[in-house]
């Protein structure tokens, strides 16, 4: 009788211990499996994002080359060239491709006259500011009301855009901006996106130093 009363008492802690160990083992197994699945999904997502970014850089190569070799870029020639490339048709996630030239402050009025001759009589660089250089959006494709609302906008005036432009200028390579909301003041509720800046330099030979790149910067695609 004494043994029969002691047996359940001694077995109970052992049973509880085994149950806790089994529970912990099951929990840990599920946790490790979940982490492995998460890591695998993260790697796939990262690879997909990198592939998308690589694809997004591709449409800038031809326009950048076109701008580099043109003696004088006009609205009509820019639009015709981009239309032949069918960039938006091939890459539906891209809103537009544009060109922002470097405009020294003394040349602002000259650019206004040039743009007026091309059918932009109300062209102006905005927002108003004092700066040694401006980088206004001069041309965009496709030329629809949404995209053309940004004509004249000085990309350098926005800190997020400017950071990417300076990085592209100094490295000589494409640079991606942080998240921006395009034309918030014109189209309230616009979706967020990002811009890729391709730096363009004057001359046939790519500048080799940061100082040379800053001096020879022509603008951005």
Protein backbone atom coordinates (compact mmCIF):
# COMPACT_ATOMS: atom_id res chain seq x y z
CA UNK A 1 0.00 0.00 0.00
CA UNK A 2 2.82 2.42 0.83
CA UNK A 3 4.54 1.72 -2.52
CA UNK A 4 1.30 2.20 -4.44
CA UNK A 5 0.80 5.59 -2.79
CA UNK A 6 4.38 6.70 -3.52
CA UNK A 7 4.47 5.57 -7.14
CA UNK A 8 2.14 8.26 -8.59
CA UNK A 9 3.88 10.92 -6.54
CA UNK A 10 7.30 9.98 -7.90
CA UNK A 11 6.09 9.46 -11.46
CA UNK A 12 4.28 12.80 -11.63
CA UNK A 13 7.42 15.03 -11.72
CA UNK A 14 9.02 12.73 -14.27
CA UNK A 15 5.91 12.84 -16.44
CA UNK A 16 5.73 16.63 -16.17
CA UNK A 17 9.39 16.95 -17.07
CA UNK A 18 9.01 14.74 -20.13
CA UNK A 19 5.89 16.67 -21.18
CA UNK A 20 7.70 20.01 -20.86
CA UNK A 21 10.68 18.70 -22.81
CA UNK A 22 8.42 17.36 -25.52
CA UNK A 23 6.54 20.67 -25.66
CA UNK A 24 9.77 22.68 -25.86
CA UNK A 25 11.15 20.39 -28.54
CA UNK A 26 7.97 20.73 -30.60
CA UNK A 27 7.93 24.52 -30.14
CA UNK A 28 11.62 24.80 -31.05
CA UNK A 29 11.15 22.61 -34.11
CA UNK A 30 8.26 24.76 -35.32
CA UNK A 31 10.23 27.93 -34.56
CA UNK A 32 13.28 26.76 -36.50
CA UNK A 33 11.12 25.62 -39.39
CA UNK A 34 9.34 29.00 -39.45
CA UNK A 35 12.66 30.86 -39.37
CA UNK A 36 13.99 28.72 -42.21
CA UNK A 37 10.87 29.42 -44.28
CA UNK A 38 11.16 33.14 -43.51
CA UNK A 39 14.84 33.21 -44.48
CA UNK A 40 14.06 31.39 -47.72
CA UNK A 41 11.20 33.78 -48.52
CA UNK A 42 13.43 36.76 -47.67
CA UNK A 43 16.15 35.55 -50.03
CA UNK A 44 13.63 35.09 -52.84
CA UNK A 45 12.17 38.55 -52.21
CA UNK A 46 15.62 40.11 -52.11
CA UNK A 47 16.58 38.44 -55.38
CA UNK A 48 13.33 39.60 -56.97
CA UNK A 49 13.85 43.18 -55.80
CA UNK A 50 17.43 43.21 -57.07
CA UNK A 51 16.25 41.87 -60.42
CA UNK A 52 13.59 44.57 -60.62
CA UNK A 53 16.15 47.27 -59.85
CA UNK A 54 18.46 45.86 -62.51
CA UNK A 55 15.62 45.96 -65.01
CA UNK A 56 14.75 49.52 -63.99
CA UNK A 57 18.28 50.68 -64.81
CA UNK A 58 18.16 49.23 -68.32
CA UNK A 59 15.80 51.80 -69.94
CA UNK A 60 18.21 54.65 -69.04
CA UNK A 61 21.10 53.35 -71.11
CA UNK A 62 19.78 54.25 -74.54
CA UNK A 63 18.31 57.67 -73.60
CA UNK A 64 21.54 58.55 -71.81
CA UNK A 65 23.51 57.62 -74.92
CA UNK A 66 21.16 59.62 -77.12
CA UNK A 67 21.51 62.72 -74.92
CA UNK A 68 25.29 62.35 -74.81
CA UNK A 69 25.73 62.38 -78.59
CA UNK A 70 23.09 64.98 -79.50
CA UNK A 71 24.43 68.44 -80.20
CA UNK A 72 21.17 70.07 -79.23
CA UNK A 73 18.36 68.12 -77.60
CA UNK A 74 14.87 69.25 -78.52
CA UNK A 75 11.49 68.27 -77.17
CA UNK A 76 10.43 66.74 -80.49
CA UNK A 77 13.59 64.66 -81.01
CA UNK A 78 13.58 63.47 -77.41
CA UNK A 79 9.95 62.36 -77.67
CA UNK A 80 10.45 60.66 -81.03
CA UNK A 81 13.49 58.76 -79.82
CA UNK A 82 11.78 57.54 -76.63
CA UNK A 83 8.69 56.56 -78.62
CA UNK A 84 10.81 54.33 -80.84
CA UNK A 85 12.31 52.65 -77.79
CA UNK A 86 8.80 51.89 -76.42
CA UNK A 87 10.16 52.10 -72.88
CA UNK A 88 6.81 52.40 -71.12
CA UNK A 89 5.37 49.55 -73.15
CA UNK A 90 8.28 47.28 -72.27
CA UNK A 91 8.53 48.38 -68.65
CA UNK A 92 5.02 49.12 -67.34
CA UNK A 93 6.25 49.85 -63.80
CA UNK A 94 8.07 52.95 -65.08
CA UNK A 95 6.06 56.17 -65.10
CA UNK A 96 8.31 58.15 -67.41
CA UNK A 97 11.83 58.83 -68.63
CA UNK A 98 13.04 62.41 -68.47
CA UNK A 99 16.00 64.71 -68.93
CA UNK A 100 17.15 67.40 -66.50
CA UNK A 101 20.02 69.54 -67.83
CA UNK A 102 22.43 71.45 -65.66
CA UNK A 103 21.50 75.11 -65.92
CA UNK A 104 23.89 77.68 -64.43
CA UNK A 105 22.02 80.57 -62.82
CA UNK A 106 23.02 83.10 -65.53
CA UNK A 107 21.52 80.81 -68.22
CA UNK A 108 18.00 80.55 -66.76
CA UNK A 109 16.49 83.13 -69.11
CA UNK A 110 18.25 81.62 -72.13
CA UNK A 111 16.74 78.23 -71.31
CA UNK A 112 13.30 79.85 -70.99
CA UNK A 113 13.61 81.30 -74.50
CA UNK A 114 14.80 77.97 -75.91
CA UNK A 115 11.92 76.08 -74.31
CA UNK A 116 9.42 78.69 -75.54
CA UNK A 117 10.61 78.09 -79.10
CA UNK A 118 9.73 74.41 -78.61
CA UNK A 119 6.16 74.97 -77.53
CA UNK A 120 6.63 75.68 -73.81
CA UNK A 121 5.83 79.42 -73.67
CA UNK A 122 5.20 79.32 -69.92
CA UNK A 123 8.32 77.41 -69.02
CA UNK A 124 9.90 78.44 -65.74
CA UNK A 125 12.24 76.83 -63.23
CA UNK A 126 10.46 76.22 -59.96
CA UNK A 127 10.45 76.53 -57.02
CA UNK A 128 12.10 79.95 -56.95
CA UNK A 129 15.50 79.85 -55.25
CA UNK A 130 19.00 81.25 -55.36
CA UNK A 131 21.57 78.66 -56.41
CA UNK A 132 24.63 78.44 -58.65
CA UNK A 133 23.08 75.64 -60.72
CA UNK A 134 19.59 74.31 -61.38
CA UNK A 135 18.45 70.92 -62.70
CA UNK A 136 14.93 71.45 -64.06
CA UNK A 137 12.93 68.74 -65.78
CA UNK A 138 13.11 69.80 -69.44
CA UNK A 139 11.69 66.77 -71.26
CA UNK A 140 9.61 63.77 -70.29
CA UNK A 141 8.16 60.82 -72.15
CA UNK A 142 5.36 59.90 -72.37
CA UNK A 143 4.17 63.51 -72.62
CA UNK A 144 0.88 63.32 -70.73
CA UNK A 145 -0.63 65.92 -68.36
CA UNK A 146 0.59 64.08 -65.27
CA UNK A 147 4.20 63.94 -66.44
CA UNK A 148 4.27 67.37 -68.02
CA UNK A 149 3.09 68.93 -64.76
CA UNK A 150 6.67 68.40 -63.59
CA UNK A 151 8.24 70.39 -66.43
CA UNK A 152 10.54 73.03 -64.97
CA UNK A 153 10.70 71.45 -61.51
CA UNK A 154 14.22 71.83 -60.10
CA UNK A 155 15.08 68.31 -58.96
CA UNK A 156 18.00 69.65 -56.93
CA UNK A 157 15.58 71.60 -54.71
CA UNK A 158 14.34 68.42 -53.02
CA UNK A 159 16.73 66.90 -50.43
CA UNK A 160 15.82 63.28 -51.24
CA UNK A 161 16.34 63.72 -54.97
CA UNK A 162 19.42 65.86 -54.46
CA UNK A 163 21.14 63.20 -52.32
CA UNK A 164 20.78 60.65 -55.13
CA UNK A 165 21.88 63.15 -57.79
CA UNK A 166 25.01 64.08 -55.86
CA UNK A 167 25.84 60.40 -55.38
CA UNK A 168 25.36 59.73 -59.10
CA UNK A 169 27.47 62.75 -60.02
CA UNK A 170 30.35 61.91 -57.71
CA UNK A 171 30.49 58.18 -58.52
CA UNK A 172 29.69 58.48 -62.21
CA UNK A 173 27.13 55.68 -61.84
CA UNK A 174 23.37 55.44 -61.64
CA UNK A 175 21.91 56.20 -58.22
CA UNK A 176 18.49 55.40 -56.78
CA UNK A 177 16.67 57.97 -54.67
CA UNK A 178 14.84 57.32 -51.45
CA UNK A 179 11.05 57.18 -51.44
CA UNK A 180 9.39 60.24 -52.95
CA UNK A 181 5.84 61.25 -53.73
CA UNK A 182 5.83 62.67 -57.22
CA UNK A 183 4.26 66.08 -57.67
CA UNK A 184 2.41 66.03 -54.35
CA UNK A 185 1.48 69.67 -54.76
CA UNK A 186 -0.04 69.03 -58.20
CA UNK A 187 -1.62 65.60 -57.74
CA UNK A 188 -2.66 65.07 -54.10
CA UNK A 189 -2.68 61.41 -53.13
CA UNK A 190 -0.05 60.38 -55.68
CA UNK A 191 1.53 57.01 -55.02
CA UNK A 192 5.04 56.85 -53.63
CA UNK A 193 7.89 55.80 -55.88
CA UNK A 194 11.58 56.37 -56.51
CA UNK A 195 13.81 57.84 -59.19
CA UNK A 196 16.94 56.50 -60.84
CA UNK A 197 19.44 59.17 -61.89
CA UNK A 198 21.95 58.52 -64.66
CA UNK A 199 24.67 61.22 -64.69
CA UNK A 200 25.69 62.71 -68.03
CA UNK A 201 29.04 64.39 -68.61
CA UNK A 202 30.43 66.73 -71.24
CA UNK A 203 33.09 65.30 -73.53
CA UNK A 204 33.89 61.95 -75.13
CA UNK A 205 36.08 60.64 -72.31
CA UNK A 206 34.46 59.79 -68.96
CA UNK A 207 35.90 62.01 -66.20
CA UNK A 208 38.11 60.03 -63.84
CA UNK A 209 38.00 62.04 -60.62
CA UNK A 210 35.24 63.49 -58.46
CA UNK A 211 36.39 67.05 -59.21
CA UNK A 212 36.33 66.36 -62.95
CA UNK A 213 32.87 64.81 -62.73
CA UNK A 214 31.54 67.81 -60.83
CA UNK A 215 33.03 70.22 -63.35
CA UNK A 216 31.87 68.33 -66.45
CA UNK A 217 28.38 67.37 -65.28
CA UNK A 218 25.92 68.02 -68.12
CA UNK A 219 22.72 66.85 -66.44
CA UNK A 220 20.78 63.69 -65.66
CA UNK A 221 18.60 61.18 -67.43
